[in-house]
Amino acid sequence: WSARTGSGDDGVPSRPARADTASMVVRARDVMTSRVVSVTPGTSLDRARFLFTENRFSALPVVDDRYRLVGIVTTFDLLRADTSASSRPATTVGEVMTRDPLSMTPDSAVTIIAHRLRHYGELRVMPIVERGVLAGIVTRADLLAPAPGGGPLGRLARRVRGPERPRRVLWGDGEYRSGPTAADVMTPLDRVVD
């Protein structure tokens, strides 16, 4: 086979060149959140509760002083700590976190991440680790978002532009709100059948 002509020595054309499928795969780096809110093992459970409720998180990566992933703490871990019948209640994240959690690299395909999040039902986020350091997280919501287009140049343009800001709407009470509200997704009362 000739590498240049793409035909065999007998004059019969070879199979067409295979398209590079690696560029079509959506990777963790394409969908991950890179500005991650994290806690340390010494963070108080009260502070973790505040972060969960204020930001509506379901899990927080736990990192050491060099931002290496050492664990993950979930709302489930906090609920378990609250209902524990232990003689000495837990006071820090390090006492309730899951140590050595599953993690993936930025080059991991999102299909593999989705499979692992489905297979390990309690997982709601997948930490993304590069060279031992927490680089980001992929949530279930990240997997539902449309695949980013544009390839490497599109990724570069999105990095330069920064994240898109949600549209803000002025409501009758003088407040600005962004994103859908409960009124947008609720069934109107006049359509409810008794």
Protein backbone atom coordinates (compact mmCIF):
# COMPACT_ATOMS: atom_id res chain seq x y z
CA TRP A 1 0.00 0.00 0.00
CA SER A 2 1.20 3.43 -0.84
CA ALA A 3 0.80 6.05 1.83
CA ARG A 4 0.81 8.90 -0.69
CA THR A 5 -1.45 7.71 -3.46
CA GLY A 6 -3.87 5.67 -1.40
CA SER A 7 -3.81 2.86 -3.96
CA GLY A 8 -2.27 -0.56 -3.92
CA ASP A 9 0.54 -1.65 -6.22
CA ASP A 10 -2.00 -3.53 -8.34
CA GLY A 11 -3.76 -0.30 -9.33
CA VAL A 12 -6.88 -1.00 -7.23
CA PRO A 13 -7.87 2.04 -5.17
CA SER A 14 -7.59 1.61 -1.45
CA ARG A 15 -10.30 2.36 1.08
CA PRO A 16 -10.88 6.07 1.58
CA ALA A 17 -8.83 7.69 4.31
CA ARG A 18 -10.52 7.34 7.70
CA ALA A 19 -11.79 10.58 9.21
CA ASP A 20 -10.20 11.52 12.50
CA THR A 21 -13.00 10.65 14.93
CA ALA A 22 -11.07 11.82 17.99
CA SER A 23 -11.91 15.46 17.23
CA MET A 24 -15.66 14.67 17.30
CA VAL A 25 -15.69 13.27 20.84
CA VAL A 26 -16.91 15.68 23.52
CA ARG A 27 -14.42 15.66 26.36
CA ALA A 28 -14.70 16.61 30.03
CA ARG A 29 -12.72 19.78 29.38
CA ASP A 30 -15.45 20.90 26.94
CA VAL A 31 -18.28 20.78 29.50
CA MET A 32 -16.66 20.98 32.95
CA THR A 33 -16.97 23.82 35.40
CA SER A 34 -13.42 24.97 36.03
CA ARG A 35 -14.11 27.55 38.76
CA VAL A 36 -14.90 25.07 41.47
CA VAL A 37 -16.06 25.86 44.98
CA SER A 38 -14.23 23.42 47.23
CA VAL A 39 -13.65 22.79 50.92
CA THR A 40 -10.82 21.33 52.98
CA PRO A 41 -11.00 18.46 55.48
CA GLY A 42 -10.85 21.04 58.28
CA THR A 43 -13.87 23.02 57.03
CA SER A 44 -16.69 23.04 59.57
CA LEU A 45 -19.91 21.21 58.76
CA ASP A 46 -21.80 24.46 59.36
CA ARG A 47 -19.75 26.17 56.61
CA ALA A 48 -20.36 23.21 54.27
CA ARG A 49 -24.11 23.35 55.00
CA PHE A 50 -24.08 27.06 54.16
CA LEU A 51 -22.31 26.40 50.83
CA PHE A 52 -24.76 23.62 49.96
CA THR A 53 -27.88 25.63 50.70
CA GLU A 54 -26.71 29.01 49.44
CA ASN A 55 -25.42 27.69 46.11
CA ARG A 56 -27.78 24.70 45.71
CA PHE A 57 -24.85 22.28 45.36
CA SER A 58 -25.26 18.54 45.83
CA ALA A 59 -21.56 17.82 46.39
CA LEU A 60 -18.33 19.64 47.09
CA PRO A 61 -14.81 18.45 46.27
CA VAL A 62 -12.49 18.27 49.28
CA VAL A 63 -8.92 19.40 48.57
CA ASP A 64 -5.71 19.73 50.56
CA ASP A 65 -3.54 22.86 50.72
CA ARG A 66 -2.09 22.06 47.25
CA TYR A 67 -5.57 21.63 45.70
CA ARG A 68 -5.12 17.87 45.37
CA LEU A 69 -8.41 16.01 45.54
CA VAL A 70 -8.61 14.08 48.83
CA GLY A 71 -12.35 13.46 49.04
CA ILE A 72 -15.86 14.56 48.26
CA VAL A 73 -18.65 15.57 50.61
CA THR A 74 -22.29 15.32 49.57
CA THR A 75 -25.60 16.43 50.99
CA PHE A 76 -26.15 12.75 51.75
CA ASP A 77 -22.99 12.73 53.91
CA LEU A 78 -24.26 15.73 55.88
CA LEU A 79 -27.71 14.19 56.36
CA ARG A 80 -26.08 10.98 57.57
CA ALA A 81 -23.92 12.97 60.02
CA ASP A 82 -27.00 14.81 61.31
CA THR A 83 -28.89 11.59 62.00
CA SER A 84 -25.95 9.63 63.37
CA ALA A 85 -26.42 8.24 66.88
CA SER A 86 -22.71 8.65 67.62
CA SER A 87 -21.68 9.77 71.10
CA ARG A 88 -19.50 12.54 69.60
CA PRO A 89 -21.11 14.27 66.60
CA ALA A 90 -18.93 15.10 63.59
CA THR A 91 -17.82 18.72 63.33
CA THR A 92 -15.59 18.82 60.22
CA VAL A 93 -15.88 17.80 56.59
CA GLY A 94 -12.93 15.43 57.01
CA GLU A 95 -14.97 13.29 59.42
CA VAL A 96 -17.88 12.70 57.03
CA MET A 97 -16.39 12.96 53.51
CA THR A 98 -15.89 10.05 51.13
CA ARG A 99 -12.15 9.54 50.79
CA ASP A 100 -10.46 8.82 47.45
CA PRO A 101 -13.50 9.49 45.26
CA LEU A 102 -13.81 8.49 41.63
CA SER A 103 -12.31 11.11 39.35
CA MET A 104 -11.57 11.51 35.67
CA THR A 105 -9.12 13.51 33.55
CA PRO A 106 -9.96 16.48 31.32
CA ASP A 107 -9.46 14.21 28.28
CA SER A 108 -12.14 11.74 29.41
CA ALA A 109 -15.10 11.32 27.07
CA VAL A 110 -18.36 12.60 28.52
CA THR A 111 -20.03 9.32 27.55
CA ILE A 112 -17.78 7.51 30.03
CA ILE A 113 -18.46 10.14 32.71
CA ALA A 114 -22.21 9.80 32.11
CA HIS A 115 -21.96 6.02 32.42
CA ARG A 116 -20.11 6.26 35.73
CA LEU A 117 -22.56 8.80 37.14
CA ARG A 118 -25.42 6.45 36.17
CA HIS A 119 -23.69 3.31 37.43
CA TYR A 120 -22.79 4.82 40.80
CA GLY A 121 -26.23 6.27 41.52
CA GLU A 122 -25.23 8.33 44.54
CA LEU A 123 -22.74 10.33 42.44
CA ARG A 124 -24.06 13.62 41.14
CA VAL A 125 -20.72 15.20 40.20
CA MET A 126 -17.48 13.87 38.79
CA PRO A 127 -14.29 15.63 39.89
CA ILE A 128 -11.87 16.29 37.03
CA VAL A 129 -8.23 15.95 38.06
CA GLU A 130 -5.19 16.92 36.01
CA ARG A 131 -1.72 15.93 37.22
CA GLY A 132 -3.14 15.28 40.68
CA VAL A 133 -4.74 18.74 41.03
CA LEU A 134 -8.47 19.47 40.93
CA ALA A 135 -9.12 21.07 37.52
CA GLY A 136 -12.92 21.13 37.52
CA ILE A 137 -16.12 19.15 37.96
CA VAL A 138 -18.73 17.72 35.63
CA THR A 139 -22.27 17.66 36.97
CA ARG A 140 -25.32 15.85 35.63
CA ALA A 141 -26.60 19.24 34.44
CA ASP A 142 -23.35 19.78 32.47
CA LEU A 143 -24.05 16.53 30.65
CA LEU A 144 -27.55 17.70 29.69
CA ALA A 145 -26.31 20.94 28.14
CA PRO A 146 -25.93 20.95 24.34
CA ALA A 147 -22.51 19.91 23.09
CA PRO A 148 -20.25 22.89 22.47
CA GLY A 149 -19.46 23.49 18.82
CA GLY A 150 -16.51 24.95 17.02
CA GLY A 151 -13.79 22.44 17.94
CA PRO A 152 -10.50 23.79 19.35
CA LEU A 153 -11.07 27.30 17.96
CA GLY A 154 -14.56 27.41 19.45
CA ARG A 155 -13.18 26.36 22.87
CA LEU A 156 -10.53 29.09 22.64
CA ALA A 157 -13.15 31.70 21.71
CA ARG A 158 -15.37 30.64 24.65
CA ARG A 159 -12.40 30.88 27.03
CA VAL A 160 -11.58 34.38 25.78
CA ARG A 161 -15.23 35.56 25.93
CA GLY A 162 -15.86 33.98 29.31
CA PRO A 163 -19.12 32.43 30.45
CA GLU A 164 -22.35 33.68 28.94
CA ARG A 165 -24.42 35.72 31.32
CA PRO A 166 -28.08 34.78 31.73
CA ARG A 167 -30.68 37.25 30.52
CA ARG A 168 -31.92 39.46 33.37
CA VAL A 169 -35.58 40.46 33.55
CA LEU A 170 -37.07 43.32 35.57
CA TRP A 171 -40.11 42.08 37.48
CA GLY A 172 -43.08 44.04 38.80
CA ASP A 173 -41.60 44.15 42.30
CA GLY A 174 -38.53 46.03 40.99
CA GLU A 175 -36.25 42.97 41.29
CA TYR A 176 -34.02 41.71 38.49
CA ARG A 177 -34.15 37.95 38.01
CA SER A 178 -32.43 35.62 35.59
CA GLY A 179 -33.44 32.21 34.33
CA PRO A 180 -36.82 30.55 34.56
CA THR A 181 -38.99 31.08 37.59
CA ALA A 182 -41.59 28.79 39.14
CA ALA A 183 -44.29 30.72 37.25
CA ASP A 184 -42.63 29.78 33.95
CA VAL A 185 -42.88 26.05 34.60
CA MET A 186 -46.09 25.77 36.62
CA THR A 187 -49.47 24.89 35.15
CA PRO A 188 -51.76 27.95 35.19
CA LEU A 189 -54.57 27.64 37.72
CA ASP A 190 -57.23 28.11 35.04
CA ARG A 191 -56.01 24.88 33.41
CA VAL A 192 -56.20 22.81 36.58
CA VAL A 193 -59.22 20.49 36.57
CA ASP A 194 -60.86 19.72 39.93
